[in-house]
Amino acid sequence: MNKRTKALQFSKETALKIVERDETCIFCKTGYHMYSKDTLAYQIQDIMHIVNKSQGGLGIEQNGALGCRYHHHLLDNGNEGIRQEMIHTLENYMEKLYPDWNRKNLVYKKW
């Protein structure tokens, strides 16, 4: 695994910190677009990147939030046309937790 690839992954320690911080899906907490009939999709929890790995998004606490499989799928696939709204919700959430939060600090920089 190269340096960049490793930097984009959430370590076990970072993932645990995110789970402890968020406790449950940040979208489910607010009842955001709860349309799935598959209740299992709400029970499986994932760590979601705010800035995608494909865009160089780092595997750090400030770039991750806990989400159920249903909401993670909505965020990643964007087929409902609500990706920007979801990203905005994630950014607001992070700004409340980390007053100096800045999207620019979430991207891998080689130098």
N, C-alpha and C. Protein backbone atom coordinates (compact mmCIF):
# COMPACT_ATOMS: atom_id res chain seq x y z
N MET A 1 0.86 -1.18 0.00
CA MET A 1 0.00 0.00 0.00
C MET A 1 0.90 1.24 0.00
N ASN A 2 0.67 2.14 -0.97
CA ASN A 2 1.51 3.33 -1.03
C ASN A 2 1.05 4.38 -0.01
N LYS A 3 1.84 5.41 0.12
CA LYS A 3 1.59 6.45 1.13
C LYS A 3 0.23 7.14 0.93
N ARG A 4 -0.12 7.45 -0.32
CA ARG A 4 -1.38 8.12 -0.60
C ARG A 4 -2.57 7.21 -0.26
N THR A 5 -2.51 5.97 -0.73
CA THR A 5 -3.60 5.03 -0.46
C THR A 5 -3.82 4.86 1.04
N LYS A 6 -2.74 4.75 1.78
CA LYS A 6 -2.85 4.60 3.23
C LYS A 6 -3.47 5.84 3.87
N ALA A 7 -3.11 7.02 3.39
CA ALA A 7 -3.63 8.27 3.94
C ALA A 7 -5.13 8.44 3.71
N LEU A 8 -5.67 7.78 2.69
CA LEU A 8 -7.08 7.92 2.36
C LEU A 8 -7.98 6.95 3.12
N GLN A 9 -7.39 5.95 3.74
CA GLN A 9 -8.15 4.93 4.47
C GLN A 9 -8.37 5.37 5.92
N PHE A 10 -9.52 5.02 6.48
CA PHE A 10 -9.74 5.25 7.90
C PHE A 10 -9.06 4.11 8.66
N SER A 11 -8.17 4.46 9.57
CA SER A 11 -7.54 3.44 10.41
C SER A 11 -8.60 2.92 11.39
N LYS A 12 -8.31 1.80 12.02
CA LYS A 12 -9.24 1.25 13.01
C LYS A 12 -9.46 2.25 14.14
N GLU A 13 -8.39 2.91 14.55
CA GLU A 13 -8.48 3.89 15.65
C GLU A 13 -9.36 5.07 15.25
N THR A 14 -9.17 5.57 14.05
CA THR A 14 -9.97 6.70 13.57
C THR A 14 -11.43 6.30 13.42
N ALA A 15 -11.67 5.12 12.88
CA ALA A 15 -13.05 4.65 12.72
C ALA A 15 -13.74 4.53 14.08
N LEU A 16 -13.04 4.02 15.07
CA LEU A 16 -13.61 3.91 16.43
C LEU A 16 -13.94 5.28 17.00
N LYS A 17 -13.06 6.26 16.79
CA LYS A 17 -13.32 7.62 17.28
C LYS A 17 -14.57 8.20 16.62
N ILE A 18 -14.75 7.95 15.32
CA ILE A 18 -15.92 8.46 14.61
C ILE A 18 -17.19 7.79 15.13
N VAL A 19 -17.13 6.49 15.34
CA VAL A 19 -18.29 5.75 15.86
C VAL A 19 -18.65 6.26 17.25
N GLU A 20 -17.65 6.45 18.11
CA GLU A 20 -17.91 6.97 19.46
C GLU A 20 -18.47 8.38 19.41
N ARG A 21 -17.97 9.20 18.51
CA ARG A 21 -18.41 10.59 18.39
C ARG A 21 -19.85 10.67 17.89
N ASP A 22 -20.18 9.95 16.83
CA ASP A 22 -21.48 10.08 16.18
C ASP A 22 -22.55 9.16 16.75
N GLU A 23 -22.16 8.01 17.24
CA GLU A 23 -23.03 6.99 17.85
C GLU A 23 -23.98 6.30 16.87
N THR A 24 -24.55 7.01 15.94
CA THR A 24 -25.45 6.42 14.94
C THR A 24 -25.44 7.30 13.70
N CYS A 25 -26.12 6.87 12.67
CA CYS A 25 -26.16 7.60 11.41
C CYS A 25 -26.62 9.05 11.64
N ILE A 26 -25.83 9.98 11.14
CA ILE A 26 -26.19 11.39 11.36
C ILE A 26 -27.44 11.78 10.58
N PHE A 27 -27.76 11.06 9.52
CA PHE A 27 -28.97 11.36 8.75
C PHE A 27 -30.20 10.74 9.41
N CYS A 28 -30.05 9.52 9.93
CA CYS A 28 -31.18 8.88 10.62
C CYS A 28 -31.59 9.68 11.86
N LYS A 29 -30.62 10.29 12.53
CA LYS A 29 -30.91 11.09 13.73
C LYS A 29 -31.94 12.17 13.45
N THR A 30 -31.93 12.68 12.22
CA THR A 30 -32.83 13.77 11.88
C THR A 30 -34.01 13.32 11.02
N GLY A 31 -34.08 12.03 10.71
CA GLY A 31 -35.17 11.52 9.89
C GLY A 31 -35.03 11.89 8.42
N TYR A 32 -33.82 12.12 7.98
CA TYR A 32 -33.55 12.58 6.62
C TYR A 32 -33.85 11.48 5.59
N HIS A 33 -34.78 11.73 4.69
CA HIS A 33 -35.11 10.83 3.58
C HIS A 33 -35.13 9.37 4.00
N MET A 34 -36.06 9.03 4.85
CA MET A 34 -36.19 7.67 5.39
C MET A 34 -37.21 6.89 4.56
N TYR A 35 -36.85 6.54 3.33
CA TYR A 35 -37.79 5.90 2.41
C TYR A 35 -37.56 4.42 2.21
N SER A 36 -36.48 3.88 2.72
CA SER A 36 -36.18 2.47 2.47
C SER A 36 -37.11 1.56 3.26
N LYS A 37 -37.56 0.51 2.59
CA LYS A 37 -38.36 -0.51 3.26
C LYS A 37 -37.46 -1.60 3.83
N ASP A 38 -36.19 -1.55 3.47
CA ASP A 38 -35.20 -2.51 3.95
C ASP A 38 -34.63 -2.00 5.27
N THR A 39 -35.22 -2.41 6.37
CA THR A 39 -34.79 -1.90 7.68
C THR A 39 -33.37 -2.32 8.02
N LEU A 40 -32.88 -3.40 7.43
CA LEU A 40 -31.49 -3.83 7.66
C LEU A 40 -30.52 -2.77 7.16
N ALA A 41 -30.86 -2.09 6.07
CA ALA A 41 -29.99 -1.05 5.52
C ALA A 41 -29.79 0.10 6.51
N TYR A 42 -30.76 0.32 7.39
CA TYR A 42 -30.62 1.36 8.42
C TYR A 42 -29.78 0.87 9.59
N GLN A 43 -29.67 -0.43 9.77
CA GLN A 43 -28.96 -1.00 10.91
C GLN A 43 -27.46 -1.16 10.67
N ILE A 44 -27.07 -1.36 9.42
CA ILE A 44 -25.64 -1.53 9.09
C ILE A 44 -25.00 -0.15 9.03
N GLN A 45 -23.98 0.06 9.84
CA GLN A 45 -23.34 1.37 9.94
C GLN A 45 -22.01 1.38 9.19
N ASP A 46 -21.77 2.44 8.43
CA ASP A 46 -20.53 2.64 7.67
C ASP A 46 -19.94 3.99 8.06
N ILE A 47 -18.65 4.13 7.78
CA ILE A 47 -18.01 5.44 7.88
C ILE A 47 -18.03 6.04 6.48
N MET A 48 -18.62 7.22 6.36
CA MET A 48 -18.73 7.90 5.07
C MET A 48 -17.66 8.98 4.96
N HIS A 49 -17.00 9.05 3.82
CA HIS A 49 -16.08 10.16 3.53
C HIS A 49 -16.90 11.37 3.10
N ILE A 50 -16.52 12.53 3.54
CA ILE A 50 -17.14 13.77 3.06
C ILE A 50 -16.52 14.12 1.70
N VAL A 51 -15.19 14.20 1.69
CA VAL A 51 -14.47 14.31 0.42
C VAL A 51 -14.10 12.88 0.04
N ASN A 52 -14.59 12.42 -1.09
CA ASN A 52 -14.36 11.05 -1.53
C ASN A 52 -12.89 10.69 -1.63
N LYS A 53 -12.60 9.42 -1.43
CA LYS A 53 -11.23 8.93 -1.62
C LYS A 53 -10.76 9.21 -3.05
N SER A 54 -11.65 9.09 -4.02
CA SER A 54 -11.28 9.32 -5.42
C SER A 54 -10.85 10.77 -5.67
N GLN A 55 -11.24 11.66 -4.77
CA GLN A 55 -10.86 13.07 -4.86
C GLN A 55 -9.71 13.39 -3.90
N GLY A 56 -9.13 12.35 -3.32
CA GLY A 56 -8.01 12.54 -2.39
C GLY A 56 -8.44 12.78 -0.96
N GLY A 57 -9.68 12.46 -0.62
CA GLY A 57 -10.19 12.68 0.74
C GLY A 57 -9.47 11.82 1.77
N LEU A 58 -8.90 12.47 2.76
CA LEU A 58 -8.12 11.79 3.79
C LEU A 58 -8.97 10.95 4.73
N GLY A 59 -8.37 9.94 5.31
CA GLY A 59 -9.03 9.08 6.29
C GLY A 59 -8.84 9.62 7.69
N ILE A 60 -9.34 10.84 7.93
CA ILE A 60 -9.21 11.50 9.23
C ILE A 60 -10.60 11.76 9.81
N GLU A 61 -10.65 11.98 11.12
CA GLU A 61 -11.95 12.20 11.80
C GLU A 61 -12.78 13.30 11.15
N GLN A 62 -12.12 14.38 10.78
CA GLN A 62 -12.84 15.53 10.23
C GLN A 62 -13.39 15.28 8.82
N ASN A 63 -13.02 14.14 8.21
CA ASN A 63 -13.53 13.80 6.89
C ASN A 63 -14.45 12.58 6.93
N GLY A 64 -14.84 12.15 8.10
CA GLY A 64 -15.69 10.98 8.21
C GLY A 64 -16.87 11.20 9.13
N ALA A 65 -17.96 10.56 8.78
CA ALA A 65 -19.16 10.60 9.62
C ALA A 65 -19.82 9.24 9.55
N LEU A 66 -20.49 8.88 10.62
CA LEU A 66 -21.18 7.61 10.67
C LEU A 66 -22.50 7.70 9.91
N GLY A 67 -22.73 6.72 9.06
CA GLY A 67 -23.96 6.68 8.30
C GLY A 67 -24.43 5.25 8.14
N CYS A 68 -25.72 5.08 8.07
CA CYS A 68 -26.25 3.73 7.81
C CYS A 68 -25.99 3.41 6.34
N ARG A 69 -26.09 2.14 6.01
CA ARG A 69 -25.83 1.69 4.64
C ARG A 69 -26.77 2.38 3.64
N TYR A 70 -28.01 2.61 4.03
CA TYR A 70 -28.98 3.26 3.14
C TYR A 70 -28.53 4.69 2.80
N HIS A 71 -28.21 5.49 3.82
CA HIS A 71 -27.81 6.87 3.57
C HIS A 71 -26.44 6.94 2.90
N HIS A 72 -25.55 6.03 3.23
CA HIS A 72 -24.24 5.99 2.57
C HIS A 72 -24.43 5.74 1.08
N HIS A 73 -25.33 4.83 0.74
CA HIS A 73 -25.62 4.54 -0.66
C HIS A 73 -26.21 5.78 -1.36
N LEU A 74 -27.12 6.47 -0.70
CA LEU A 74 -27.69 7.70 -1.28
C LEU A 74 -26.59 8.73 -1.54
N LEU A 75 -25.69 8.87 -0.58
CA LEU A 75 -24.61 9.85 -0.71
C LEU A 75 -23.67 9.49 -1.85
N ASP A 76 -23.24 8.24 -1.90
CA ASP A 76 -22.26 7.83 -2.90
C ASP A 76 -22.80 7.77 -4.31
N ASN A 77 -24.03 7.35 -4.47
CA ASN A 77 -24.57 7.16 -5.82
C ASN A 77 -25.24 8.40 -6.38
N GLY A 78 -25.74 9.25 -5.53
CA GLY A 78 -26.32 10.51 -5.99
C GLY A 78 -27.48 10.37 -6.96
N ASN A 79 -28.06 9.16 -7.06
CA ASN A 79 -29.13 8.95 -8.04
C ASN A 79 -30.46 9.58 -7.64
N GLU A 80 -30.55 10.08 -6.44
CA GLU A 80 -31.77 10.76 -6.00
C GLU A 80 -31.67 12.28 -6.20
N GLY A 81 -30.53 12.76 -6.66
CA GLY A 81 -30.33 14.19 -6.88
C GLY A 81 -30.18 14.98 -5.59
N ILE A 82 -29.80 14.31 -4.50
CA ILE A 82 -29.69 15.01 -3.21
C ILE A 82 -28.26 14.99 -2.66
N ARG A 83 -27.29 14.57 -3.47
CA ARG A 83 -25.91 14.49 -2.99
C ARG A 83 -25.42 15.84 -2.43
N GLN A 84 -25.63 16.92 -3.16
CA GLN A 84 -25.16 18.24 -2.69
C GLN A 84 -25.81 18.63 -1.38
N GLU A 85 -27.08 18.33 -1.24
CA GLU A 85 -27.79 18.62 0.01
C GLU A 85 -27.20 17.80 1.15
N MET A 86 -26.89 16.53 0.87
CA MET A 86 -26.30 15.67 1.90
C MET A 86 -24.90 16.15 2.28
N ILE A 87 -24.11 16.55 1.30
CA ILE A 87 -22.77 17.08 1.57
C ILE A 87 -22.87 18.34 2.42
N HIS A 88 -23.82 19.19 2.09
CA HIS A 88 -24.03 20.42 2.87
C HIS A 88 -24.37 20.08 4.33
N THR A 89 -25.22 19.08 4.52
CA THR A 89 -25.58 18.63 5.87
C THR A 89 -24.36 18.12 6.61
N LEU A 90 -23.53 17.32 5.94
CA LEU A 90 -22.30 16.81 6.56
C LEU A 90 -21.35 17.95 6.92
N GLU A 91 -21.20 18.90 6.03
CA GLU A 91 -20.30 20.04 6.30
C GLU A 91 -20.79 20.85 7.49
N ASN A 92 -22.09 21.12 7.57
CA ASN A 92 -22.63 21.85 8.73
C ASN A 92 -22.39 21.08 10.02
N TYR A 93 -22.57 19.78 9.97
CA TYR A 93 -22.34 18.92 11.13
C TYR A 93 -20.89 19.04 11.60
N MET A 94 -19.96 18.97 10.67
CA MET A 94 -18.54 19.05 11.02
C MET A 94 -18.15 20.44 11.53
N GLU A 95 -18.72 21.47 10.95
CA GLU A 95 -18.42 22.83 11.40
C GLU A 95 -18.86 23.05 12.85
N LYS A 96 -19.92 22.38 13.28
CA LYS A 96 -20.36 22.47 14.67
C LYS A 96 -19.41 21.74 15.61
N LEU A 97 -18.88 20.61 15.13
CA LEU A 97 -17.96 19.81 15.95
C LEU A 97 -16.55 20.38 15.99
N TYR A 98 -16.12 20.91 14.86
CA TYR A 98 -14.75 21.41 14.71
C TYR A 98 -14.83 22.84 14.18
N PRO A 99 -14.77 23.84 15.06
CA PRO A 99 -14.93 25.24 14.63
C PRO A 99 -13.95 25.67 13.53
N ASP A 100 -12.77 25.04 13.46
CA ASP A 100 -11.80 25.42 12.42
C ASP A 100 -11.87 24.47 11.21
N TRP A 101 -12.98 23.71 11.10
CA TRP A 101 -13.13 22.74 10.02
C TRP A 101 -13.10 23.45 8.68
N ASN A 102 -12.34 22.88 7.75
CA ASN A 102 -12.24 23.45 6.42
C ASN A 102 -12.08 22.32 5.41
N ARG A 103 -12.91 22.30 4.42
CA ARG A 103 -12.90 21.25 3.40
C ARG A 103 -11.53 21.10 2.74
N LYS A 104 -10.81 22.19 2.58
CA LYS A 104 -9.50 22.16 1.93
C LYS A 104 -8.49 21.33 2.72
N ASN A 105 -8.69 21.20 4.02
CA ASN A 105 -7.77 20.45 4.86
C ASN A 105 -8.02 18.94 4.81
N LEU A 106 -9.00 18.52 4.06
CA LEU A 106 -9.38 17.11 4.01
C LEU A 106 -8.80 16.37 2.82
N VAL A 107 -8.02 17.06 2.00
CA VAL A 107 -7.51 16.49 0.76
C VAL A 107 -6.02 16.18 0.87
N TYR A 108 -5.66 15.00 0.40
CA TYR A 108 -4.26 14.57 0.40
C TYR A 108 -3.42 15.51 -0.45
N LYS A 109 -2.29 15.91 0.12
CA LYS A 109 -1.34 16.74 -0.60
C LYS A 109 0.02 16.04 -0.57
N LYS A 110 0.56 15.80 -1.72
CA LYS A 110 1.83 15.09 -1.81
C LYS A 110 2.95 15.88 -1.18
N TRP A 111 2.93 17.17 -1.32
CA TRP A 111 4.03 18.01 -0.82
C TRP A 111 3.57 18.89 0.30
